Amino acid sequence: MLKKLKKDIGNTTDEGLEYGDLGTALVFLMEYKRTKNINYLSSVKLILKNYLEIYKNEDPFTGISYNSKKWPNIRSPYLMNGSAGLVFILFKYYCLTDNGNWDLLDRYIDSLDLPFTYNYGMNNGTAGILLVIKTILRSRKKIPKRLYTKLKHLNDYYNNHLFSSFINSKKHSGWPSDGQAFISDDIGAGTLGILSAITLEMNKGVHHDYYFIL
């Protein structure tokens, strides 16, 4: 299966963590940590290079496509289907190598600075973006001061956004899901995923590499 994933790099029109090559990169990063086989890192480098090539002329960079064939002009900033996933993979790659291009990461992070999000959840909402931001801030990897300052601002903004959006009434308690139509408790778009993001920094002394993988 891992050989098939490697062979399929660059052949999918989906681009996010959920269905695209970023998901393959995530698997290969985990396999590299397990085996120390440098070939896995080389495959991740190739995937990241492909994204760099695809979006090199987009200024400003506002996210990646859900699917380059179906929606070539739509850009997403979210975790599972957008640039937050790309930021996560790129940062994790830098954590395992000594050749971090912080200007590139800075450019990608700009796409996470949003006035509002599709929903509040983990997959395609506020919580997923916040999770990536917190992951970088909590990491043992030293980052440039300008990047830390930008991320700290985004961290505070999205924390406040989530806390101010919480609903607590006689009928409902939690965060609205898609379309603000109902309260959802699931991990992808609802309260469970949101709580996992906002309570991350409360887990003192607990360190995980991939928080959203159960």
N, C-alpha and C. Protein backbone atom coordinates (compact mmCIF):
# COMPACT_ATOMS: atom_id res chain seq x y z
N MET A 1 0.82 -1.20 0.00
CA MET A 1 0.00 0.00 0.00
C MET A 1 0.87 1.26 0.00
N LEU A 2 1.94 1.26 0.77
CA LEU A 2 2.84 2.42 0.82
C LEU A 2 3.51 2.65 -0.53
N LYS A 3 3.84 1.58 -1.23
CA LYS A 3 4.42 1.72 -2.57
C LYS A 3 3.41 2.33 -3.53
N LYS A 4 2.14 1.94 -3.39
CA LYS A 4 1.10 2.50 -4.25
C LYS A 4 0.91 3.99 -3.97
N LEU A 5 0.96 4.37 -2.70
CA LEU A 5 0.85 5.78 -2.35
C LEU A 5 1.97 6.59 -2.99
N LYS A 6 3.17 6.05 -2.95
CA LYS A 6 4.31 6.73 -3.55
C LYS A 6 4.14 6.86 -5.06
N LYS A 7 3.67 5.81 -5.68
CA LYS A 7 3.47 5.80 -7.12
C LYS A 7 2.41 6.80 -7.55
N ASP A 8 1.43 7.03 -6.69
CA ASP A 8 0.30 7.90 -7.03
C ASP A 8 0.56 9.38 -6.77
N ILE A 9 1.74 9.73 -6.23
CA ILE A 9 2.04 11.13 -5.95
C ILE A 9 1.92 11.96 -7.22
N GLY A 10 1.14 13.03 -7.13
CA GLY A 10 0.96 13.93 -8.27
C GLY A 10 -0.16 13.54 -9.21
N ASN A 11 -0.81 12.41 -8.95
CA ASN A 11 -1.85 11.92 -9.86
C ASN A 11 -3.27 12.18 -9.38
N THR A 12 -3.43 12.71 -8.18
CA THR A 12 -4.77 12.98 -7.67
C THR A 12 -5.14 14.43 -7.89
N THR A 13 -6.41 14.69 -8.15
CA THR A 13 -6.87 16.08 -8.32
C THR A 13 -7.33 16.68 -7.00
N ASP A 14 -7.51 15.83 -5.98
CA ASP A 14 -7.78 16.33 -4.63
C ASP A 14 -6.45 16.78 -4.03
N GLU A 15 -6.48 17.86 -3.23
CA GLU A 15 -5.22 18.42 -2.77
C GLU A 15 -5.04 18.43 -1.26
N GLY A 16 -6.07 18.16 -0.49
CA GLY A 16 -5.99 18.31 0.95
C GLY A 16 -5.48 17.10 1.70
N LEU A 17 -5.47 17.23 3.02
CA LEU A 17 -5.08 16.12 3.90
C LEU A 17 -6.04 14.95 3.78
N GLU A 18 -7.31 15.25 3.60
CA GLU A 18 -8.32 14.21 3.66
C GLU A 18 -8.26 13.25 2.47
N TYR A 19 -8.09 13.79 1.26
CA TYR A 19 -8.14 12.95 0.07
C TYR A 19 -6.92 13.09 -0.85
N GLY A 20 -6.06 14.05 -0.59
CA GLY A 20 -4.99 14.37 -1.53
C GLY A 20 -3.60 13.93 -1.09
N ASP A 21 -2.61 14.47 -1.79
CA ASP A 21 -1.21 14.11 -1.53
C ASP A 21 -0.73 14.55 -0.15
N LEU A 22 -1.38 15.54 0.45
CA LEU A 22 -0.99 15.93 1.80
C LEU A 22 -1.25 14.80 2.79
N GLY A 23 -2.30 14.02 2.54
CA GLY A 23 -2.57 12.85 3.38
C GLY A 23 -1.47 11.81 3.23
N THR A 24 -1.00 11.63 1.99
CA THR A 24 0.12 10.73 1.74
C THR A 24 1.36 11.22 2.47
N ALA A 25 1.60 12.53 2.43
CA ALA A 25 2.75 13.11 3.12
C ALA A 25 2.68 12.86 4.62
N LEU A 26 1.48 12.96 5.18
CA LEU A 26 1.31 12.71 6.61
C LEU A 26 1.69 11.27 6.97
N VAL A 27 1.23 10.32 6.15
CA VAL A 27 1.57 8.91 6.38
C VAL A 27 3.08 8.70 6.28
N PHE A 28 3.71 9.32 5.30
CA PHE A 28 5.15 9.15 5.10
C PHE A 28 5.96 9.80 6.22
N LEU A 29 5.49 10.92 6.76
CA LEU A 29 6.18 11.53 7.90
C LEU A 29 6.13 10.60 9.12
N MET A 30 4.98 9.99 9.33
CA MET A 30 4.84 9.06 10.44
C MET A 30 5.71 7.82 10.24
N GLU A 31 5.78 7.34 9.00
CA GLU A 31 6.61 6.17 8.71
C GLU A 31 8.09 6.50 8.85
N TYR A 32 8.47 7.72 8.48
CA TYR A 32 9.87 8.10 8.66
C TYR A 32 10.25 8.11 10.14
N LYS A 33 9.37 8.65 10.98
CA LYS A 33 9.64 8.68 12.41
C LYS A 33 9.75 7.27 12.98
N ARG A 34 9.00 6.36 12.39
CA ARG A 34 9.01 4.98 12.87
C ARG A 34 10.22 4.20 12.39
N THR A 35 10.62 4.42 11.12
CA THR A 35 11.65 3.58 10.50
C THR A 35 12.98 4.28 10.25
N LYS A 36 12.96 5.64 10.21
CA LYS A 36 14.14 6.44 9.85
C LYS A 36 14.60 6.18 8.42
N ASN A 37 13.69 5.67 7.60
CA ASN A 37 13.99 5.44 6.18
C ASN A 37 13.89 6.77 5.44
N ILE A 38 15.03 7.26 4.92
CA ILE A 38 15.10 8.57 4.30
C ILE A 38 14.22 8.69 3.06
N ASN A 39 13.87 7.56 2.46
CA ASN A 39 13.03 7.59 1.26
C ASN A 39 11.66 8.20 1.54
N TYR A 40 11.16 8.01 2.75
CA TYR A 40 9.87 8.60 3.11
C TYR A 40 9.96 10.13 3.13
N LEU A 41 11.06 10.64 3.67
CA LEU A 41 11.25 12.09 3.69
C LEU A 41 11.40 12.64 2.28
N SER A 42 12.08 11.89 1.42
CA SER A 42 12.24 12.32 0.02
C SER A 42 10.90 12.43 -0.68
N SER A 43 9.99 11.52 -0.37
CA SER A 43 8.66 11.57 -0.98
C SER A 43 7.88 12.78 -0.47
N VAL A 44 8.01 13.10 0.81
CA VAL A 44 7.35 14.28 1.37
C VAL A 44 7.91 15.54 0.72
N LYS A 45 9.22 15.58 0.53
CA LYS A 45 9.86 16.72 -0.13
C LYS A 45 9.30 16.92 -1.54
N LEU A 46 9.10 15.83 -2.25
CA LEU A 46 8.54 15.90 -3.61
C LEU A 46 7.12 16.45 -3.59
N ILE A 47 6.32 15.98 -2.65
CA ILE A 47 4.93 16.46 -2.54
C ILE A 47 4.91 17.95 -2.25
N LEU A 48 5.72 18.41 -1.31
CA LEU A 48 5.76 19.83 -0.97
C LEU A 48 6.28 20.67 -2.14
N LYS A 49 7.22 20.12 -2.88
CA LYS A 49 7.72 20.82 -4.07
C LYS A 49 6.61 20.98 -5.11
N ASN A 50 5.77 19.97 -5.25
CA ASN A 50 4.65 20.05 -6.20
C ASN A 50 3.69 21.18 -5.83
N TYR A 51 3.39 21.31 -4.53
CA TYR A 51 2.49 22.38 -4.09
C TYR A 51 3.14 23.75 -4.33
N LEU A 52 4.43 23.83 -4.07
CA LEU A 52 5.15 25.08 -4.31
C LEU A 52 5.05 25.50 -5.77
N GLU A 53 5.18 24.55 -6.66
CA GLU A 53 5.14 24.82 -8.09
C GLU A 53 3.73 25.24 -8.52
N ILE A 54 2.72 24.55 -8.00
CA ILE A 54 1.34 24.84 -8.38
C ILE A 54 0.93 26.27 -8.00
N TYR A 55 1.37 26.71 -6.83
CA TYR A 55 0.88 27.98 -6.29
C TYR A 55 1.94 29.09 -6.28
N LYS A 56 3.02 28.91 -7.00
CA LYS A 56 4.12 29.88 -6.95
C LYS A 56 3.73 31.26 -7.47
N ASN A 57 2.76 31.34 -8.38
CA ASN A 57 2.39 32.62 -8.97
C ASN A 57 1.17 33.26 -8.34
N GLU A 58 0.64 32.66 -7.28
CA GLU A 58 -0.54 33.22 -6.63
C GLU A 58 -0.13 34.23 -5.57
N ASP A 59 -0.49 35.47 -5.78
CA ASP A 59 -0.12 36.54 -4.88
C ASP A 59 -1.30 37.49 -4.70
N PRO A 60 -1.94 37.48 -3.53
CA PRO A 60 -1.53 36.73 -2.35
C PRO A 60 -1.96 35.26 -2.42
N PHE A 61 -1.28 34.45 -1.64
CA PHE A 61 -1.66 33.05 -1.51
C PHE A 61 -2.82 32.97 -0.52
N THR A 62 -3.96 32.41 -0.97
CA THR A 62 -5.16 32.39 -0.13
C THR A 62 -5.63 30.99 0.23
N GLY A 63 -4.88 29.97 -0.16
CA GLY A 63 -5.26 28.60 0.16
C GLY A 63 -5.03 27.68 -1.03
N ILE A 64 -5.39 26.41 -0.85
CA ILE A 64 -5.25 25.44 -1.92
C ILE A 64 -6.63 24.98 -2.39
N SER A 65 -6.68 24.35 -3.53
CA SER A 65 -7.95 23.92 -4.10
C SER A 65 -8.47 22.67 -3.40
N TYR A 66 -9.79 22.60 -3.24
CA TYR A 66 -10.40 21.35 -2.77
C TYR A 66 -10.10 20.25 -3.78
N ASN A 67 -10.32 20.57 -5.03
CA ASN A 67 -10.10 19.63 -6.13
C ASN A 67 -9.76 20.46 -7.37
N SER A 68 -8.56 20.29 -7.89
CA SER A 68 -8.07 21.14 -8.98
C SER A 68 -8.83 20.95 -10.29
N LYS A 69 -9.54 19.83 -10.43
CA LYS A 69 -10.30 19.59 -11.65
C LYS A 69 -11.73 20.13 -11.52
N LYS A 70 -12.38 19.87 -10.40
CA LYS A 70 -13.77 20.31 -10.22
C LYS A 70 -13.88 21.79 -9.89
N TRP A 71 -12.96 22.29 -9.05
CA TRP A 71 -13.03 23.69 -8.60
C TRP A 71 -11.65 24.34 -8.71
N PRO A 72 -11.16 24.55 -9.92
CA PRO A 72 -9.80 25.07 -10.11
C PRO A 72 -9.57 26.47 -9.56
N ASN A 73 -10.62 27.25 -9.39
CA ASN A 73 -10.44 28.64 -8.95
C ASN A 73 -10.89 28.90 -7.52
N ILE A 74 -11.31 27.85 -6.81
CA ILE A 74 -11.72 28.00 -5.42
C ILE A 74 -10.55 27.63 -4.51
N ARG A 75 -10.32 28.45 -3.49
CA ARG A 75 -9.22 28.21 -2.56
C ARG A 75 -9.76 27.99 -1.15
N SER A 76 -9.14 27.07 -0.44
CA SER A 76 -9.57 26.73 0.91
C SER A 76 -8.42 26.90 1.90
N PRO A 77 -8.69 27.48 3.08
CA PRO A 77 -7.65 27.65 4.10
C PRO A 77 -7.70 26.60 5.22
N TYR A 78 -8.54 25.57 5.09
CA TYR A 78 -8.86 24.74 6.25
C TYR A 78 -7.91 23.54 6.43
N LEU A 79 -8.12 22.79 7.50
CA LEU A 79 -7.20 21.71 7.87
C LEU A 79 -7.27 20.52 6.93
N MET A 80 -8.45 19.96 6.75
CA MET A 80 -8.56 18.72 6.00
C MET A 80 -8.58 18.92 4.49
N ASN A 81 -9.01 20.09 4.04
CA ASN A 81 -9.12 20.33 2.60
C ASN A 81 -8.53 21.67 2.19
N GLY A 82 -7.54 22.16 2.90
CA GLY A 82 -7.02 23.48 2.58
C GLY A 82 -5.60 23.71 3.05
N SER A 83 -5.23 24.99 3.09
CA SER A 83 -3.83 25.35 3.34
C SER A 83 -3.39 25.16 4.78
N ALA A 84 -4.32 25.07 5.74
CA ALA A 84 -3.90 24.74 7.10
C ALA A 84 -3.24 23.36 7.14
N GLY A 85 -3.76 22.44 6.34
CA GLY A 85 -3.13 21.12 6.22
C GLY A 85 -1.76 21.21 5.60
N LEU A 86 -1.60 22.08 4.60
CA LEU A 86 -0.29 22.29 3.97
C LEU A 86 0.70 22.89 4.96
N VAL A 87 0.26 23.88 5.74
CA VAL A 87 1.11 24.47 6.77
C VAL A 87 1.56 23.41 7.77
N PHE A 88 0.63 22.58 8.18
CA PHE A 88 0.93 21.52 9.15
C PHE A 88 2.01 20.57 8.62
N ILE A 89 1.84 20.08 7.39
CA ILE A 89 2.80 19.14 6.81
C ILE A 89 4.15 19.80 6.60
N LEU A 90 4.16 21.03 6.09
CA LEU A 90 5.42 21.73 5.85
C LEU A 90 6.18 21.94 7.16
N PHE A 91 5.46 22.34 8.21
CA PHE A 91 6.12 22.55 9.50
C PHE A 91 6.66 21.25 10.07
N LYS A 92 5.89 20.17 9.99
CA LYS A 92 6.34 18.89 10.49
C LYS A 92 7.56 18.39 9.71
N TYR A 93 7.60 18.69 8.43
CA TYR A 93 8.77 18.34 7.61
C TYR A 93 9.99 19.13 8.09
N TYR A 94 9.81 20.41 8.36
CA TYR A 94 10.91 21.23 8.85
C TYR A 94 11.41 20.73 10.21
N CYS A 95 10.51 20.21 11.02
CA CYS A 95 10.91 19.69 12.33
C CYS A 95 11.85 18.49 12.21
N LEU A 96 11.79 17.80 11.08
CA LEU A 96 12.60 16.61 10.87
C LEU A 96 13.83 16.87 10.01
N THR A 97 13.98 18.11 9.54
CA THR A 97 15.11 18.47 8.68
C THR A 97 15.73 19.77 9.17
N ASP A 98 16.82 20.15 8.56
CA ASP A 98 17.51 21.38 8.96
C ASP A 98 17.46 22.46 7.88
N ASN A 99 16.57 22.29 6.91
CA ASN A 99 16.52 23.24 5.79
C ASN A 99 15.17 23.93 5.70
N GLY A 100 14.73 24.51 6.81
CA GLY A 100 13.43 25.16 6.84
C GLY A 100 13.42 26.48 6.07
N ASN A 101 12.47 26.64 5.18
CA ASN A 101 12.25 27.88 4.45
C ASN A 101 11.15 28.65 5.16
N TRP A 102 11.52 29.47 6.13
CA TRP A 102 10.53 30.14 6.97
C TRP A 102 9.74 31.19 6.20
N ASP A 103 10.34 31.76 5.16
CA ASP A 103 9.59 32.72 4.34
C ASP A 103 8.42 32.03 3.63
N LEU A 104 8.65 30.82 3.18
CA LEU A 104 7.58 30.06 2.52
C LEU A 104 6.48 29.72 3.51
N LEU A 105 6.86 29.25 4.69
CA LEU A 105 5.86 28.94 5.71
C LEU A 105 5.08 30.20 6.10
N ASP A 106 5.78 31.31 6.20
CA ASP A 106 5.15 32.59 6.52
C ASP A 106 4.10 32.95 5.46
N ARG A 107 4.45 32.75 4.20
CA ARG A 107 3.52 33.03 3.10
C ARG A 107 2.27 32.16 3.20
N TYR A 108 2.45 30.89 3.49
CA TYR A 108 1.31 29.99 3.62
C TYR A 108 0.44 30.35 4.82
N ILE A 109 1.08 30.75 5.92
CA ILE A 109 0.35 31.09 7.14
C ILE A 109 -0.55 32.31 6.93
N ASP A 110 -0.16 33.21 6.03
CA ASP A 110 -0.99 34.38 5.75
C ASP A 110 -2.40 33.98 5.29
N SER A 111 -2.51 32.81 4.67
CA SER A 111 -3.83 32.36 4.19
C SER A 111 -4.75 31.95 5.34
N LEU A 112 -4.21 31.82 6.54
CA LEU A 112 -5.00 31.43 7.71
C LEU A 112 -5.59 32.62 8.45
N ASP A 113 -5.23 33.82 8.03
CA ASP A 113 -5.71 35.04 8.68
C ASP A 113 -7.03 35.45 8.03
N LEU A 114 -8.13 35.03 8.66
CA LEU A 114 -9.46 35.18 8.05
C LEU A 114 -10.40 35.98 8.95
N PRO A 115 -11.33 36.76 8.35
CA PRO A 115 -12.32 37.46 9.16
C PRO A 115 -13.40 36.53 9.71
N PHE A 116 -13.64 35.41 9.01
CA PHE A 116 -14.62 34.42 9.46
C PHE A 116 -14.29 33.09 8.78
N THR A 117 -14.92 32.00 9.24
CA THR A 117 -14.68 30.68 8.68
C THR A 117 -16.00 30.01 8.31
N TYR A 118 -15.91 28.93 7.52
CA TYR A 118 -17.10 28.22 7.05
C TYR A 118 -17.93 27.70 8.23
N ASN A 119 -17.26 27.09 9.18
CA ASN A 119 -17.92 26.71 10.43
C ASN A 119 -16.88 26.78 11.55
N TYR A 120 -17.21 26.28 12.72
CA TYR A 120 -16.29 26.38 13.85
C TYR A 120 -15.47 25.10 14.05
N GLY A 121 -15.70 24.10 13.22
CA GLY A 121 -15.18 22.77 13.47
C GLY A 121 -13.73 22.49 13.09
N MET A 122 -13.37 21.24 13.23
CA MET A 122 -12.00 20.79 13.01
C MET A 122 -11.66 20.63 11.53
N ASN A 123 -12.53 19.99 10.77
CA ASN A 123 -12.19 19.66 9.38
C ASN A 123 -12.09 20.89 8.49
N ASN A 124 -13.13 21.70 8.47
CA ASN A 124 -13.21 22.85 7.57
C ASN A 124 -13.67 24.09 8.30
N GLY A 125 -13.05 24.35 9.45
CA GLY A 125 -13.47 25.50 10.23
C GLY A 125 -12.39 26.06 11.13
N THR A 126 -12.83 26.86 12.09
CA THR A 126 -11.93 27.58 12.99
C THR A 126 -11.02 26.66 13.79
N ALA A 127 -11.58 25.59 14.34
CA ALA A 127 -10.82 24.72 15.24
C ALA A 127 -9.63 24.06 14.55
N GLY A 128 -9.81 23.67 13.29
CA GLY A 128 -8.70 23.04 12.57
C GLY A 128 -7.56 24.00 12.33
N ILE A 129 -7.89 25.25 11.97
CA ILE A 129 -6.85 26.26 11.80
C ILE A 129 -6.14 26.53 13.12
N LEU A 130 -6.94 26.65 14.18
CA LEU A 130 -6.37 26.91 15.50
C LEU A 130 -5.46 25.77 15.95
N LEU A 131 -5.84 24.55 15.64
CA LEU A 131 -5.03 23.39 16.01
C LEU A 131 -3.65 23.45 15.38
N VAL A 132 -3.58 23.83 14.12
CA VAL A 132 -2.30 23.95 13.43
C VAL A 132 -1.45 25.06 14.06
N ILE A 133 -2.09 26.18 14.34
CA ILE A 133 -1.38 27.30 14.97
C ILE A 133 -0.81 26.90 16.32
N LYS A 134 -1.62 26.25 17.14
CA LYS A 134 -1.17 25.82 18.46
C LYS A 134 -0.06 24.77 18.36
N THR A 135 -0.16 23.90 17.36
CA THR A 135 0.87 22.88 17.17
C THR A 135 2.23 23.52 16.93
N ILE A 136 2.27 24.55 16.12
CA ILE A 136 3.54 25.24 15.85
C ILE A 136 4.04 25.98 17.08
N LEU A 137 3.15 26.69 17.76
CA LEU A 137 3.54 27.46 18.94
C LEU A 137 4.05 26.57 20.06
N ARG A 138 3.48 25.37 20.19
CA ARG A 138 3.86 24.45 21.26
C ARG A 138 5.08 23.59 20.91
N SER A 139 5.50 23.64 19.67
CA SER A 139 6.57 22.77 19.22
C SER A 139 7.91 23.13 19.86
N ARG A 140 8.79 22.16 19.93
CA ARG A 140 10.15 22.39 20.42
C ARG A 140 11.03 23.03 19.35
N LYS A 141 10.51 23.08 18.13
CA LYS A 141 11.27 23.67 17.02
C LYS A 141 11.28 25.20 17.15
N LYS A 142 12.46 25.79 17.11
CA LYS A 142 12.58 27.24 17.21
C LYS A 142 12.18 27.87 15.88
N ILE A 143 11.32 28.88 15.97
CA ILE A 143 10.85 29.58 14.77
C ILE A 143 11.23 31.06 14.87
N PRO A 144 11.32 31.75 13.73
CA PRO A 144 11.66 33.17 13.75
C PRO A 144 10.67 33.99 14.58
N LYS A 145 11.16 35.06 15.19
CA LYS A 145 10.34 35.87 16.08
C LYS A 145 9.13 36.46 15.35
N ARG A 146 9.32 36.91 14.10
CA ARG A 146 8.22 37.51 13.35
C ARG A 146 7.10 36.50 13.14
N LEU A 147 7.50 35.22 12.94
CA LEU A 147 6.52 34.16 12.73
C LEU A 147 5.79 33.85 14.03
N TYR A 148 6.53 33.83 15.12
CA TYR A 148 5.93 33.59 16.43
C TYR A 148 4.91 34.68 16.76
N THR A 149 5.26 35.94 16.49
CA THR A 149 4.37 37.06 16.77
C THR A 149 3.08 36.95 15.97
N LYS A 150 3.21 36.61 14.69
CA LYS A 150 2.04 36.47 13.83
C LYS A 150 1.15 35.33 14.31
N LEU A 151 1.74 34.20 14.64
CA LEU A 151 0.98 33.04 15.10
C LEU A 151 0.32 33.30 16.45
N LYS A 152 1.00 34.00 17.32
CA LYS A 152 0.43 34.32 18.63
C LYS A 152 -0.80 35.20 18.47
N HIS A 153 -0.74 36.15 17.55
CA HIS A 153 -1.90 37.00 17.27
C HIS A 153 -3.07 36.17 16.74
N LEU A 154 -2.79 35.27 15.79
CA LEU A 154 -3.85 34.42 15.24
C LEU A 154 -4.41 33.48 16.30
N ASN A 155 -3.54 32.97 17.17
CA ASN A 155 -3.97 32.09 18.24
C ASN A 155 -4.97 32.80 19.15
N ASP A 156 -4.65 34.02 19.54
CA ASP A 156 -5.54 34.78 20.42
C ASP A 156 -6.85 35.12 19.71
N TYR A 157 -6.74 35.48 18.44
CA TYR A 157 -7.93 35.86 17.68
C TYR A 157 -8.90 34.69 17.56
N TYR A 158 -8.39 33.51 17.17
CA TYR A 158 -9.28 32.36 16.97
C TYR A 158 -9.79 31.78 18.28
N ASN A 159 -8.99 31.87 19.34
CA ASN A 159 -9.49 31.47 20.65
C ASN A 159 -10.69 32.34 21.04
N ASN A 160 -10.54 33.64 20.90
CA ASN A 160 -11.64 34.55 21.23
C ASN A 160 -12.85 34.32 20.34
N HIS A 161 -12.58 34.03 19.08
CA HIS A 161 -13.66 33.77 18.13
C HIS A 161 -14.49 32.56 18.57
N LEU A 162 -13.82 31.51 19.02
CA LEU A 162 -14.52 30.30 19.45
C LEU A 162 -15.27 30.52 20.75
N PHE A 163 -14.62 31.15 21.72
CA PHE A 163 -15.27 31.36 23.00
C PHE A 163 -16.50 32.26 22.88
N SER A 164 -16.41 33.27 22.02
CA SER A 164 -17.54 34.19 21.86
C SER A 164 -18.68 33.58 21.05
N SER A 165 -18.40 32.46 20.36
CA SER A 165 -19.42 31.82 19.52
C SER A 165 -20.13 30.66 20.22
N PHE A 166 -19.69 30.34 21.42
CA PHE A 166 -20.29 29.24 22.17
C PHE A 166 -21.72 29.58 22.56
N ILE A 167 -22.61 28.62 22.38
CA ILE A 167 -24.03 28.80 22.73
C ILE A 167 -24.37 27.94 23.95
N ASN A 168 -24.95 28.56 24.94
CA ASN A 168 -25.36 27.83 26.14
C ASN A 168 -26.77 28.29 26.52
N SER A 169 -27.73 27.45 26.21
CA SER A 169 -29.13 27.79 26.49
C SER A 169 -29.82 26.58 27.10
N LYS A 170 -31.10 26.71 27.38
CA LYS A 170 -31.86 25.59 27.95
C LYS A 170 -31.97 24.44 26.97
N LYS A 171 -31.95 24.75 25.67
CA LYS A 171 -32.11 23.71 24.66
C LYS A 171 -30.79 23.21 24.09
N HIS A 172 -29.78 24.10 24.05
CA HIS A 172 -28.55 23.75 23.35
C HIS A 172 -27.32 24.19 24.14
N SER A 173 -26.24 23.42 23.97
CA SER A 173 -24.96 23.80 24.53
C SER A 173 -23.87 23.31 23.58
N GLY A 174 -23.10 24.24 23.03
CA GLY A 174 -22.04 23.88 22.09
C GLY A 174 -21.90 24.91 21.00
N TRP A 175 -21.39 24.48 19.86
CA TRP A 175 -21.17 25.37 18.73
C TRP A 175 -22.04 24.96 17.54
N PRO A 176 -22.57 25.95 16.82
CA PRO A 176 -23.36 25.64 15.63
C PRO A 176 -22.50 24.96 14.57
N SER A 177 -23.10 24.06 13.82
CA SER A 177 -22.39 23.37 12.74
C SER A 177 -22.64 24.09 11.42
N ASP A 178 -22.58 23.37 10.32
CA ASP A 178 -22.71 23.97 8.99
C ASP A 178 -24.00 24.77 8.86
N GLY A 179 -23.87 25.98 8.32
CA GLY A 179 -25.02 26.83 8.10
C GLY A 179 -25.61 27.41 9.37
N GLN A 180 -24.93 27.22 10.51
CA GLN A 180 -25.41 27.73 11.80
C GLN A 180 -26.79 27.19 12.15
N ALA A 181 -27.15 26.04 11.57
CA ALA A 181 -28.53 25.55 11.68
C ALA A 181 -28.77 24.69 12.91
N PHE A 182 -27.74 24.04 13.43
CA PHE A 182 -27.96 23.14 14.56
C PHE A 182 -26.65 22.96 15.33
N ILE A 183 -26.76 22.47 16.56
CA ILE A 183 -25.59 22.18 17.38
C ILE A 183 -25.13 20.76 17.06
N SER A 184 -23.85 20.61 16.77
CA SER A 184 -23.30 19.30 16.45
C SER A 184 -22.24 18.91 17.47
N ASP A 185 -22.19 17.63 17.83
CA ASP A 185 -21.24 17.16 18.84
C ASP A 185 -20.07 16.37 18.25
N ASP A 186 -20.01 16.23 16.93
CA ASP A 186 -18.99 15.36 16.33
C ASP A 186 -17.62 16.02 16.32
N ILE A 187 -16.60 15.24 15.99
CA ILE A 187 -15.22 15.75 16.01
C ILE A 187 -14.89 16.54 14.75
N GLY A 188 -15.54 16.24 13.63
CA GLY A 188 -15.20 16.90 12.37
C GLY A 188 -15.71 18.32 12.25
N ALA A 189 -16.98 18.55 12.64
CA ALA A 189 -17.58 19.86 12.47
C ALA A 189 -18.20 20.40 13.75
N GLY A 190 -18.13 19.61 14.83
CA GLY A 190 -18.86 19.98 16.03
C GLY A 190 -18.03 20.21 17.27
N THR A 191 -18.70 20.14 18.39
CA THR A 191 -18.15 20.53 19.69
C THR A 191 -16.96 19.70 20.13
N LEU A 192 -16.96 18.41 19.87
CA LEU A 192 -15.85 17.55 20.31
C LEU A 192 -14.52 17.99 19.70
N GLY A 193 -14.52 18.23 18.40
CA GLY A 193 -13.30 18.68 17.74
C GLY A 193 -12.87 20.06 18.21
N ILE A 194 -13.84 20.93 18.43
CA ILE A 194 -13.53 22.29 18.89
C ILE A 194 -12.90 22.26 20.28
N LEU A 195 -13.47 21.46 21.17
CA LEU A 195 -12.92 21.35 22.52
C LEU A 195 -11.50 20.77 22.50
N SER A 196 -11.23 19.85 21.60
CA SER A 196 -9.89 19.27 21.52
C SER A 196 -8.86 20.31 21.10
N ALA A 197 -9.30 21.30 20.31
CA ALA A 197 -8.39 22.35 19.87
C ALA A 197 -8.15 23.39 20.97
N ILE A 198 -9.22 23.86 21.59
CA ILE A 198 -9.06 24.95 22.55
C ILE A 198 -8.47 24.48 23.88
N THR A 199 -8.54 23.19 24.18
CA THR A 199 -7.96 22.68 25.43
C THR A 199 -6.56 22.11 25.23
N LEU A 200 -6.02 22.22 24.04
CA LEU A 200 -4.71 21.62 23.73
C LEU A 200 -3.63 22.12 24.67
N GLU A 201 -3.59 23.43 24.91
CA GLU A 201 -2.53 23.99 25.73
C GLU A 201 -2.70 23.68 27.21
N MET A 202 -3.84 23.09 27.58
CA MET A 202 -4.05 22.72 28.98
C MET A 202 -3.38 21.40 29.33
N ASN A 203 -2.98 20.64 28.30
CA ASN A 203 -2.35 19.34 28.54
C ASN A 203 -0.87 19.51 28.84
N LYS A 204 -0.55 20.05 29.98
CA LYS A 204 0.82 20.34 30.35
C LYS A 204 1.66 19.07 30.37
N GLY A 205 2.80 19.13 29.70
CA GLY A 205 3.72 18.00 29.71
C GLY A 205 3.34 16.90 28.76
N VAL A 206 2.19 16.99 28.10
CA VAL A 206 1.77 15.96 27.16
C VAL A 206 2.08 16.44 25.76
N HIS A 207 2.83 15.62 25.01
CA HIS A 207 3.23 16.03 23.66
C HIS A 207 2.86 14.95 22.67
N HIS A 208 2.09 15.35 21.66
CA HIS A 208 1.75 14.45 20.57
C HIS A 208 2.16 15.10 19.25
N ASP A 209 2.54 14.31 18.28
CA ASP A 209 2.94 14.85 16.99
C ASP A 209 1.73 15.14 16.10
N TYR A 210 0.69 14.31 16.19
CA TYR A 210 -0.45 14.44 15.28
C TYR A 210 -1.72 14.38 16.11
N TYR A 211 -2.15 15.54 16.60
CA TYR A 211 -3.23 15.62 17.57
C TYR A 211 -4.56 15.13 17.02
N PHE A 212 -4.79 15.35 15.73
CA PHE A 212 -6.12 15.07 15.19
C PHE A 212 -6.25 13.64 14.70
N ILE A 213 -5.24 12.81 14.93
CA ILE A 213 -5.34 11.38 14.59
C ILE A 213 -5.61 10.62 15.88
N LEU A 214 -6.74 9.96 15.95
CA LEU A 214 -7.12 9.26 17.19
C LEU A 214 -6.58 7.84 17.21
